């Protein structure tokens, strides 16, 4: 999980748990990693171990249906993949807004911290890993196309990291007089 993904996820969890009227369970790979917790740090620790999960949001009122937020990592700011139950929409709005703001910063190449450059490199590494996994699958037109796309995404993130590093090196405070 990158620093950017961590920021979005933390915002999501804090917003869901802020009112004290919800608890969270994390479902991944056919098992619960966390059940009905209100501890952001515990939930973050469990989510850092996986790539994809669903966060089940339980309201305190037993007569209300829980909502679900599907999350995944490795796609930049697209941490929140989907959600259902209309009440959850209000709870994810802050995290979605943060994701949009961070996506805009990534697009414009505004890199304020070394952590963001490391995030670019981490995302490139993730897409290279996915492309490598695709190579182990039987060859088909689809896998070649998917592999080419994965490598294109890796290249895109490497270019952003390079741009960020170059921008840092060329900044006025790094110029020799």
N, C-alpha and C. Protein backbone atom coordinates (compact mmCIF):
# COMPACT_ATOMS: atom_id res chain seq x y z
N UNK A 1 0.86 -1.16 0.00
CA UNK A 1 0.00 0.00 0.00
C UNK A 1 0.91 1.24 0.00
N UNK A 2 0.62 2.14 -0.91
CA UNK A 2 1.43 3.35 -1.02
C UNK A 2 0.97 4.39 0.01
N UNK A 3 1.76 5.43 0.17
CA UNK A 3 1.40 6.51 1.08
C UNK A 3 0.12 7.20 0.67
N UNK A 4 -0.06 7.37 -0.63
CA UNK A 4 -1.29 7.99 -1.14
C UNK A 4 -2.49 7.11 -0.83
N UNK A 5 -2.36 5.82 -1.08
CA UNK A 5 -3.45 4.90 -0.77
C UNK A 5 -3.74 4.90 0.73
N UNK A 6 -2.69 4.96 1.54
CA UNK A 6 -2.84 4.99 2.99
C UNK A 6 -3.63 6.24 3.43
N UNK A 7 -3.33 7.39 2.82
CA UNK A 7 -4.05 8.63 3.16
C UNK A 7 -5.54 8.50 2.86
N UNK A 8 -5.85 7.97 1.69
CA UNK A 8 -7.26 7.82 1.28
C UNK A 8 -7.97 6.83 2.18
N UNK A 9 -7.32 5.70 2.45
CA UNK A 9 -7.92 4.67 3.29
C UNK A 9 -8.14 5.19 4.71
N UNK A 10 -7.15 5.87 5.27
CA UNK A 10 -7.29 6.42 6.63
C UNK A 10 -8.47 7.41 6.68
N UNK A 11 -8.58 8.27 5.68
CA UNK A 11 -9.70 9.22 5.62
C UNK A 11 -11.03 8.48 5.59
N UNK A 12 -11.11 7.43 4.77
CA UNK A 12 -12.33 6.63 4.68
C UNK A 12 -12.69 6.03 6.04
N UNK A 13 -11.73 5.39 6.68
CA UNK A 13 -12.00 4.74 7.97
C UNK A 13 -12.37 5.76 9.04
N UNK A 14 -11.63 6.86 9.10
CA UNK A 14 -11.92 7.88 10.12
C UNK A 14 -13.31 8.48 9.91
N UNK A 15 -13.70 8.72 8.65
CA UNK A 15 -15.03 9.27 8.39
C UNK A 15 -16.14 8.29 8.77
N UNK A 16 -15.92 7.01 8.47
CA UNK A 16 -16.94 6.00 8.80
C UNK A 16 -17.11 5.90 10.32
N UNK A 17 -16.00 5.95 11.04
CA UNK A 17 -16.04 5.73 12.48
C UNK A 17 -16.23 7.00 13.30
N UNK A 18 -16.21 8.17 12.65
CA UNK A 18 -16.24 9.46 13.36
C UNK A 18 -17.44 9.64 14.27
N UNK A 19 -18.60 9.21 13.83
CA UNK A 19 -19.81 9.47 14.62
C UNK A 19 -20.02 8.47 15.75
N UNK A 20 -19.16 7.44 15.83
CA UNK A 20 -19.30 6.45 16.89
C UNK A 20 -20.50 5.54 16.72
N UNK A 21 -21.17 5.61 15.56
CA UNK A 21 -22.37 4.81 15.34
C UNK A 21 -22.15 3.67 14.35
N UNK A 22 -20.90 3.43 13.97
CA UNK A 22 -20.61 2.37 13.01
C UNK A 22 -19.41 1.54 13.48
N UNK A 23 -19.38 0.31 13.06
CA UNK A 23 -18.23 -0.57 13.28
C UNK A 23 -17.87 -1.16 11.92
N UNK A 24 -16.63 -1.61 11.79
CA UNK A 24 -16.13 -2.10 10.51
C UNK A 24 -15.63 -3.53 10.64
N UNK A 25 -16.01 -4.35 9.65
CA UNK A 25 -15.42 -5.67 9.48
C UNK A 25 -14.71 -5.67 8.14
N UNK A 26 -13.61 -6.39 8.05
CA UNK A 26 -12.84 -6.48 6.80
C UNK A 26 -12.87 -7.93 6.34
N UNK A 27 -13.36 -8.13 5.12
CA UNK A 27 -13.47 -9.45 4.51
C UNK A 27 -12.47 -9.54 3.36
N UNK A 28 -11.62 -10.56 3.41
CA UNK A 28 -10.65 -10.78 2.34
C UNK A 28 -10.33 -12.25 2.25
N UNK A 29 -10.30 -12.74 1.02
CA UNK A 29 -9.91 -14.14 0.77
C UNK A 29 -10.70 -15.14 1.62
N UNK A 30 -12.00 -14.99 1.61
CA UNK A 30 -12.91 -15.94 2.26
C UNK A 30 -12.83 -15.98 3.78
N UNK A 31 -12.40 -14.88 4.40
CA UNK A 31 -12.33 -14.86 5.85
C UNK A 31 -12.36 -13.40 6.33
N UNK A 32 -12.78 -13.23 7.57
CA UNK A 32 -12.73 -11.91 8.18
C UNK A 32 -11.35 -11.69 8.77
N UNK A 33 -10.74 -10.55 8.45
CA UNK A 33 -9.47 -10.17 9.06
C UNK A 33 -9.72 -9.37 10.33
N UNK A 34 -10.83 -8.62 10.33
CA UNK A 34 -11.24 -7.81 11.47
C UNK A 34 -12.76 -7.90 11.53
N UNK A 35 -13.29 -8.02 12.75
CA UNK A 35 -14.75 -8.07 12.87
C UNK A 35 -15.24 -6.98 13.82
N UNK A 36 -16.15 -6.17 13.28
CA UNK A 36 -16.85 -5.10 14.02
C UNK A 36 -15.91 -4.31 14.93
N UNK A 37 -14.91 -3.75 14.33
CA UNK A 37 -13.91 -2.96 15.05
C UNK A 37 -14.18 -1.47 14.87
N UNK A 38 -13.73 -0.70 15.83
CA UNK A 38 -13.76 0.77 15.74
C UNK A 38 -12.34 1.33 15.88
N UNK A 39 -11.35 0.46 15.78
CA UNK A 39 -9.95 0.85 15.95
C UNK A 39 -9.29 1.04 14.58
N UNK A 40 -9.08 2.30 14.19
CA UNK A 40 -8.52 2.61 12.87
C UNK A 40 -7.16 1.95 12.67
N UNK A 41 -6.31 1.98 13.70
CA UNK A 41 -4.96 1.42 13.55
C UNK A 41 -4.98 -0.09 13.30
N UNK A 42 -5.85 -0.80 13.99
CA UNK A 42 -5.98 -2.25 13.79
C UNK A 42 -6.46 -2.54 12.37
N UNK A 43 -7.46 -1.79 11.93
CA UNK A 43 -8.01 -1.99 10.59
C UNK A 43 -6.95 -1.67 9.54
N UNK A 44 -6.22 -0.57 9.71
CA UNK A 44 -5.16 -0.19 8.77
C UNK A 44 -4.09 -1.29 8.71
N UNK A 45 -3.71 -1.81 9.85
CA UNK A 45 -2.68 -2.86 9.89
C UNK A 45 -3.12 -4.09 9.11
N UNK A 46 -4.36 -4.48 9.26
CA UNK A 46 -4.86 -5.66 8.53
C UNK A 46 -4.95 -5.38 7.04
N UNK A 47 -5.39 -4.19 6.67
CA UNK A 47 -5.53 -3.86 5.25
C UNK A 47 -4.18 -3.72 4.56
N UNK A 48 -3.14 -3.43 5.31
CA UNK A 48 -1.81 -3.30 4.70
C UNK A 48 -1.25 -4.65 4.26
N UNK A 49 -1.89 -5.73 4.66
CA UNK A 49 -1.42 -7.08 4.33
C UNK A 49 -2.02 -7.64 3.04
N UNK A 50 -2.98 -6.94 2.46
CA UNK A 50 -3.72 -7.50 1.33
C UNK A 50 -3.79 -6.52 0.16
N UNK A 51 -4.27 -7.00 -0.98
CA UNK A 51 -4.44 -6.15 -2.17
C UNK A 51 -5.87 -5.69 -2.38
N UNK A 52 -6.83 -6.54 -2.07
CA UNK A 52 -8.24 -6.24 -2.28
C UNK A 52 -9.04 -6.75 -1.10
N UNK A 53 -10.11 -6.03 -0.76
CA UNK A 53 -10.97 -6.46 0.35
C UNK A 53 -12.30 -5.75 0.26
N UNK A 54 -13.22 -6.19 1.08
CA UNK A 54 -14.45 -5.44 1.24
C UNK A 54 -14.51 -5.01 2.70
N UNK A 55 -14.93 -3.77 2.89
CA UNK A 55 -15.12 -3.23 4.23
C UNK A 55 -16.62 -3.23 4.47
N UNK A 56 -17.04 -3.97 5.46
CA UNK A 56 -18.46 -4.01 5.81
C UNK A 56 -18.70 -2.99 6.92
N UNK A 57 -19.64 -2.09 6.69
CA UNK A 57 -19.93 -1.00 7.61
C UNK A 57 -21.22 -1.35 8.35
N UNK A 58 -21.09 -1.58 9.66
CA UNK A 58 -22.24 -1.97 10.47
C UNK A 58 -22.74 -0.80 11.29
N UNK A 59 -23.99 -0.39 11.06
CA UNK A 59 -24.57 0.65 11.92
C UNK A 59 -24.92 0.05 13.27
N UNK A 60 -24.96 0.89 14.30
CA UNK A 60 -25.31 0.40 15.64
C UNK A 60 -26.75 -0.10 15.72
N UNK A 61 -27.63 0.48 14.91
CA UNK A 61 -29.02 0.04 14.95
C UNK A 61 -29.13 -1.31 14.23
N UNK A 62 -29.63 -2.28 14.93
CA UNK A 62 -29.74 -3.64 14.39
C UNK A 62 -30.71 -3.73 13.21
N UNK A 63 -31.67 -2.80 13.13
CA UNK A 63 -32.67 -2.88 12.07
C UNK A 63 -32.16 -2.30 10.74
N UNK A 64 -30.95 -1.73 10.72
CA UNK A 64 -30.40 -1.17 9.49
C UNK A 64 -29.41 -2.14 8.87
N UNK A 65 -29.48 -2.25 7.56
CA UNK A 65 -28.61 -3.17 6.83
C UNK A 65 -27.18 -2.61 6.75
N UNK A 66 -26.18 -3.48 6.90
CA UNK A 66 -24.80 -2.99 6.76
C UNK A 66 -24.51 -2.61 5.31
N UNK A 67 -23.59 -1.70 5.13
CA UNK A 67 -23.15 -1.31 3.80
C UNK A 67 -21.81 -1.95 3.51
N UNK A 68 -21.41 -1.94 2.26
CA UNK A 68 -20.13 -2.52 1.88
C UNK A 68 -19.37 -1.54 0.99
N UNK A 69 -18.07 -1.41 1.26
CA UNK A 69 -17.18 -0.61 0.43
C UNK A 69 -16.10 -1.56 -0.07
N UNK A 70 -15.96 -1.68 -1.41
CA UNK A 70 -14.92 -2.53 -1.97
C UNK A 70 -13.70 -1.67 -2.24
N UNK A 71 -12.55 -2.12 -1.72
CA UNK A 71 -11.31 -1.36 -1.89
C UNK A 71 -10.26 -2.24 -2.55
N UNK A 72 -9.28 -1.59 -3.13
CA UNK A 72 -8.16 -2.29 -3.74
C UNK A 72 -6.97 -1.36 -3.83
N UNK A 73 -5.81 -1.93 -3.94
CA UNK A 73 -4.58 -1.15 -3.98
C UNK A 73 -3.82 -1.44 -5.26
N UNK A 74 -2.95 -0.53 -5.64
CA UNK A 74 -2.13 -0.71 -6.83
C UNK A 74 -2.62 0.06 -8.03
N UNK A 75 -3.63 0.89 -7.86
CA UNK A 75 -4.16 1.67 -8.98
C UNK A 75 -4.14 3.16 -8.66
N UNK A 76 -3.14 3.60 -7.94
CA UNK A 76 -3.02 5.02 -7.62
C UNK A 76 -4.07 5.46 -6.63
N UNK A 77 -4.85 6.45 -7.01
CA UNK A 77 -5.85 7.01 -6.09
C UNK A 77 -7.18 6.27 -6.14
N UNK A 78 -7.31 5.26 -6.97
CA UNK A 78 -8.57 4.51 -7.11
C UNK A 78 -8.66 3.40 -6.06
N UNK A 79 -8.63 3.81 -4.79
CA UNK A 79 -8.69 2.87 -3.68
C UNK A 79 -10.12 2.35 -3.50
N UNK A 80 -11.09 3.27 -3.55
CA UNK A 80 -12.49 2.90 -3.39
C UNK A 80 -13.00 2.46 -4.75
N UNK A 81 -13.26 1.16 -4.88
CA UNK A 81 -13.69 0.62 -6.17
C UNK A 81 -15.19 0.74 -6.36
N UNK A 82 -15.94 0.53 -5.29
CA UNK A 82 -17.41 0.59 -5.37
C UNK A 82 -17.95 0.53 -3.95
N UNK A 83 -19.24 0.84 -3.80
CA UNK A 83 -19.91 0.69 -2.52
C UNK A 83 -21.40 0.56 -2.77
N UNK A 84 -22.11 0.03 -1.77
CA UNK A 84 -23.57 -0.03 -1.89
C UNK A 84 -24.21 0.27 -0.54
N UNK A 85 -25.46 0.54 -0.57
CA UNK A 85 -26.31 1.03 0.51
C UNK A 85 -26.13 2.54 0.57
N UNK A 86 -27.19 3.27 0.35
CA UNK A 86 -27.09 4.71 0.15
C UNK A 86 -26.46 5.45 1.33
N UNK A 87 -26.63 4.98 2.57
CA UNK A 87 -26.04 5.69 3.71
C UNK A 87 -24.52 5.68 3.64
N UNK A 88 -23.94 4.66 3.02
CA UNK A 88 -22.48 4.57 2.93
C UNK A 88 -21.94 5.68 2.03
N UNK A 89 -22.71 6.10 1.04
CA UNK A 89 -22.26 7.16 0.15
C UNK A 89 -21.82 8.40 0.88
N UNK A 90 -22.57 8.80 1.90
CA UNK A 90 -22.19 9.96 2.69
C UNK A 90 -20.90 9.71 3.45
N UNK A 91 -20.68 8.48 3.87
CA UNK A 91 -19.50 8.15 4.66
C UNK A 91 -18.23 8.08 3.80
N UNK A 92 -18.35 7.80 2.52
CA UNK A 92 -17.16 7.71 1.65
C UNK A 92 -16.88 9.02 0.92
N UNK A 93 -17.77 10.00 1.02
CA UNK A 93 -17.62 11.24 0.26
C UNK A 93 -16.29 11.95 0.54
N UNK A 94 -15.88 12.03 1.80
CA UNK A 94 -14.64 12.71 2.15
C UNK A 94 -13.43 12.03 1.55
N UNK A 95 -13.40 10.70 1.60
CA UNK A 95 -12.28 9.94 1.04
C UNK A 95 -12.26 10.06 -0.48
N UNK A 96 -13.43 10.07 -1.12
CA UNK A 96 -13.48 10.24 -2.57
C UNK A 96 -12.98 11.63 -2.97
N UNK A 97 -13.32 12.64 -2.19
CA UNK A 97 -12.85 14.00 -2.48
C UNK A 97 -11.33 14.07 -2.33
N UNK A 98 -10.80 13.48 -1.28
CA UNK A 98 -9.35 13.45 -1.09
C UNK A 98 -8.68 12.72 -2.25
N UNK A 99 -9.25 11.61 -2.69
CA UNK A 99 -8.69 10.86 -3.82
C UNK A 99 -8.65 11.72 -5.08
N UNK A 100 -9.72 12.49 -5.32
CA UNK A 100 -9.75 13.39 -6.49
C UNK A 100 -8.66 14.45 -6.39
N UNK A 101 -8.50 15.03 -5.21
CA UNK A 101 -7.47 16.05 -5.02
C UNK A 101 -6.07 15.48 -5.25
N UNK A 102 -5.82 14.29 -4.70
CA UNK A 102 -4.51 13.66 -4.87
C UNK A 102 -4.28 13.26 -6.32
N UNK A 103 -5.34 12.80 -6.99
CA UNK A 103 -5.21 12.44 -8.41
C UNK A 103 -4.82 13.66 -9.24
N UNK A 104 -5.42 14.79 -8.92
CA UNK A 104 -5.09 16.02 -9.65
C UNK A 104 -3.64 16.41 -9.42
N UNK A 105 -3.17 16.27 -8.19
CA UNK A 105 -1.76 16.57 -7.89
C UNK A 105 -0.84 15.63 -8.68
N UNK A 106 -1.22 14.36 -8.76
CA UNK A 106 -0.40 13.40 -9.50
C UNK A 106 -0.37 13.75 -10.98
N UNK A 107 -1.53 14.15 -11.53
CA UNK A 107 -1.61 14.49 -12.96
C UNK A 107 -0.77 15.71 -13.30
N UNK A 108 -0.79 16.69 -12.43
CA UNK A 108 -0.08 17.93 -12.72
C UNK A 108 1.39 17.85 -12.35
N UNK A 109 1.79 16.75 -11.74
CA UNK A 109 3.20 16.59 -11.40
C UNK A 109 3.63 17.40 -10.20
N UNK A 110 2.67 17.88 -9.43
CA UNK A 110 3.03 18.62 -8.22
C UNK A 110 3.48 17.59 -7.18
N UNK A 111 4.75 17.61 -6.91
CA UNK A 111 5.31 16.66 -5.95
C UNK A 111 5.89 17.45 -4.79
N UNK A 112 5.24 17.37 -3.66
CA UNK A 112 5.67 18.16 -2.52
C UNK A 112 6.61 17.37 -1.60
N UNK A 113 6.54 16.05 -1.63
CA UNK A 113 7.30 15.26 -0.68
C UNK A 113 7.97 14.09 -1.37
N UNK A 114 9.07 13.64 -0.76
CA UNK A 114 9.75 12.45 -1.25
C UNK A 114 8.83 11.23 -1.20
N UNK A 115 7.91 11.21 -0.23
CA UNK A 115 6.99 10.08 -0.10
C UNK A 115 6.16 9.90 -1.37
N UNK A 116 5.80 11.00 -2.03
CA UNK A 116 5.02 10.88 -3.26
C UNK A 116 5.85 10.27 -4.38
N UNK A 117 7.12 10.64 -4.45
CA UNK A 117 8.00 10.03 -5.46
C UNK A 117 8.11 8.53 -5.18
N UNK A 118 8.25 8.17 -3.93
CA UNK A 118 8.31 6.75 -3.58
C UNK A 118 7.01 6.04 -3.95
N UNK A 119 5.88 6.73 -3.81
CA UNK A 119 4.60 6.15 -4.23
C UNK A 119 4.59 5.87 -5.73
N UNK A 120 5.10 6.81 -6.52
CA UNK A 120 5.18 6.59 -7.97
C UNK A 120 6.00 5.33 -8.25
N UNK A 121 7.15 5.22 -7.59
CA UNK A 121 8.02 4.05 -7.81
C UNK A 121 7.34 2.76 -7.35
N UNK A 122 6.62 2.83 -6.23
CA UNK A 122 5.91 1.66 -5.74
C UNK A 122 4.84 1.22 -6.73
N UNK A 123 4.10 2.18 -7.28
CA UNK A 123 3.05 1.84 -8.25
C UNK A 123 3.66 1.25 -9.52
N UNK A 124 4.79 1.79 -9.96
CA UNK A 124 5.47 1.22 -11.13
C UNK A 124 5.88 -0.22 -10.83
N UNK A 125 6.44 -0.44 -9.65
CA UNK A 125 6.85 -1.79 -9.25
C UNK A 125 5.65 -2.74 -9.23
N UNK A 126 4.53 -2.26 -8.74
CA UNK A 126 3.32 -3.09 -8.67
C UNK A 126 2.87 -3.52 -10.07
N UNK A 127 2.87 -2.58 -11.04
CA UNK A 127 2.45 -2.93 -12.39
C UNK A 127 3.45 -3.85 -13.07
N UNK A 128 4.72 -3.71 -12.77
CA UNK A 128 5.73 -4.63 -13.31
C UNK A 128 5.49 -6.03 -12.75
N UNK A 129 5.15 -6.11 -11.45
CA UNK A 129 4.87 -7.41 -10.82
C UNK A 129 3.65 -8.06 -11.48
N UNK A 130 2.61 -7.28 -11.73
CA UNK A 130 1.40 -7.80 -12.38
C UNK A 130 1.75 -8.29 -13.79
N UNK A 131 2.56 -7.52 -14.51
CA UNK A 131 2.97 -7.94 -15.86
C UNK A 131 3.76 -9.23 -15.79
N UNK A 132 4.61 -9.37 -14.79
CA UNK A 132 5.40 -10.60 -14.63
C UNK A 132 4.50 -11.79 -14.37
N UNK A 133 3.47 -11.60 -13.53
CA UNK A 133 2.50 -12.67 -13.28
C UNK A 133 1.80 -13.07 -14.56
N UNK A 134 1.47 -12.09 -15.41
CA UNK A 134 0.80 -12.38 -16.68
C UNK A 134 1.67 -13.24 -17.58
N UNK A 135 2.99 -13.08 -17.48
CA UNK A 135 3.89 -13.88 -18.32
C UNK A 135 3.81 -15.36 -17.99
N UNK A 136 3.42 -15.68 -16.76
CA UNK A 136 3.34 -17.09 -16.37
C UNK A 136 2.04 -17.75 -16.83
N UNK A 137 1.11 -16.96 -17.35
CA UNK A 137 -0.15 -17.51 -17.84
C UNK A 137 0.02 -18.00 -19.28
N UNK A 138 -0.87 -18.89 -19.72
CA UNK A 138 -0.79 -19.33 -21.12
C UNK A 138 -0.92 -18.14 -22.07
N UNK A 139 -0.14 -18.18 -23.12
CA UNK A 139 -0.13 -17.08 -24.10
C UNK A 139 -1.45 -17.03 -24.86
N UNK A 140 -1.99 -15.84 -24.97
CA UNK A 140 -3.17 -15.62 -25.79
C UNK A 140 -3.13 -14.16 -26.22
N UNK A 141 -3.99 -13.82 -27.14
CA UNK A 141 -4.07 -12.44 -27.59
C UNK A 141 -4.43 -11.52 -26.41
N UNK A 142 -5.32 -12.00 -25.54
CA UNK A 142 -5.75 -11.21 -24.40
C UNK A 142 -4.60 -10.98 -23.42
N UNK A 143 -3.84 -12.04 -23.06
CA UNK A 143 -2.76 -11.86 -22.08
C UNK A 143 -1.66 -10.98 -22.64
N UNK A 144 -1.37 -11.06 -23.95
CA UNK A 144 -0.36 -10.17 -24.52
C UNK A 144 -0.83 -8.72 -24.44
N UNK A 145 -2.10 -8.49 -24.72
CA UNK A 145 -2.66 -7.15 -24.66
C UNK A 145 -2.65 -6.62 -23.22
N UNK A 146 -3.07 -7.45 -22.27
CA UNK A 146 -3.08 -7.05 -20.86
C UNK A 146 -1.67 -6.78 -20.37
N UNK A 147 -0.73 -7.62 -20.79
CA UNK A 147 0.65 -7.44 -20.36
C UNK A 147 1.21 -6.13 -20.91
N UNK A 148 0.91 -5.81 -22.14
CA UNK A 148 1.37 -4.56 -22.74
C UNK A 148 0.80 -3.37 -21.96
N UNK A 149 -0.47 -3.45 -21.58
CA UNK A 149 -1.10 -2.38 -20.81
C UNK A 149 -0.46 -2.25 -19.42
N UNK A 150 -0.18 -3.36 -18.77
CA UNK A 150 0.46 -3.32 -17.46
C UNK A 150 1.84 -2.67 -17.55
N UNK A 151 2.59 -3.00 -18.57
CA UNK A 151 3.91 -2.41 -18.75
C UNK A 151 3.81 -0.92 -19.10
N UNK A 152 2.77 -0.54 -19.85
CA UNK A 152 2.56 0.86 -20.16
C UNK A 152 2.28 1.65 -18.88
N UNK A 153 1.46 1.08 -18.00
CA UNK A 153 1.17 1.74 -16.73
C UNK A 153 2.43 1.85 -15.87
N UNK A 154 3.24 0.81 -15.85
CA UNK A 154 4.50 0.87 -15.10
C UNK A 154 5.37 1.99 -15.64
N UNK A 155 5.46 2.09 -16.96
CA UNK A 155 6.28 3.13 -17.57
C UNK A 155 5.75 4.52 -17.21
N UNK A 156 4.43 4.66 -17.20
CA UNK A 156 3.81 5.94 -16.86
C UNK A 156 4.20 6.37 -15.44
N UNK A 157 4.15 5.44 -14.48
CA UNK A 157 4.51 5.77 -13.10
C UNK A 157 5.99 6.05 -12.97
N UNK A 158 6.83 5.34 -13.71
CA UNK A 158 8.27 5.61 -13.68
C UNK A 158 8.56 7.01 -14.24
N UNK A 159 7.85 7.39 -15.29
CA UNK A 159 8.03 8.73 -15.86
C UNK A 159 7.62 9.81 -14.87
N UNK A 160 6.54 9.58 -14.11
CA UNK A 160 6.12 10.54 -13.11
C UNK A 160 7.16 10.65 -12.00
N UNK A 161 7.72 9.52 -11.59
CA UNK A 161 8.76 9.55 -10.56
C UNK A 161 9.97 10.31 -11.07
N UNK A 162 10.37 10.05 -12.31
CA UNK A 162 11.51 10.74 -12.91
C UNK A 162 11.25 12.24 -12.96
N UNK A 163 10.05 12.62 -13.37
CA UNK A 163 9.68 14.03 -13.44
C UNK A 163 9.74 14.67 -12.06
N UNK A 164 9.25 13.96 -11.06
CA UNK A 164 9.28 14.49 -9.70
C UNK A 164 10.69 14.66 -9.19
N UNK A 165 11.54 13.69 -9.47
CA UNK A 165 12.94 13.77 -9.03
C UNK A 165 13.64 14.91 -9.76
N UNK A 166 13.42 15.00 -11.07
CA UNK A 166 14.03 16.08 -11.85
C UNK A 166 13.57 17.44 -11.35
N UNK A 167 12.29 17.56 -11.07
CA UNK A 167 11.76 18.82 -10.54
C UNK A 167 12.40 19.20 -9.22
N UNK A 168 12.63 18.20 -8.39
CA UNK A 168 13.28 18.47 -7.10
C UNK A 168 14.72 18.91 -7.30
N UNK A 169 15.42 18.30 -8.24
CA UNK A 169 16.82 18.64 -8.49
C UNK A 169 16.98 20.01 -9.12
N UNK A 170 15.96 20.40 -9.92
CA UNK A 170 16.03 21.68 -10.61
C UNK A 170 15.42 22.83 -9.81
N UNK A 171 14.87 22.52 -8.63
CA UNK A 171 14.25 23.57 -7.82
C UNK A 171 15.30 24.61 -7.42
N UNK A 172 14.90 25.89 -7.30
CA UNK A 172 15.85 26.96 -7.00
C UNK A 172 16.70 26.70 -5.75
N UNK A 173 16.14 26.06 -4.72
CA UNK A 173 16.92 25.84 -3.51
C UNK A 173 18.01 24.78 -3.69
N UNK A 174 18.00 24.06 -4.83
CA UNK A 174 19.03 23.07 -5.11
C UNK A 174 20.10 23.60 -6.09
N UNK A 175 19.95 24.83 -6.54
CA UNK A 175 20.89 25.42 -7.51
C UNK A 175 22.15 25.87 -6.80
N UNK A 176 23.28 25.60 -7.42
CA UNK A 176 24.57 26.06 -6.90
C UNK A 176 24.76 27.51 -7.31
N UNK A 177 25.31 28.33 -6.44
CA UNK A 177 25.56 29.73 -6.82
C UNK A 177 27.01 29.96 -7.20
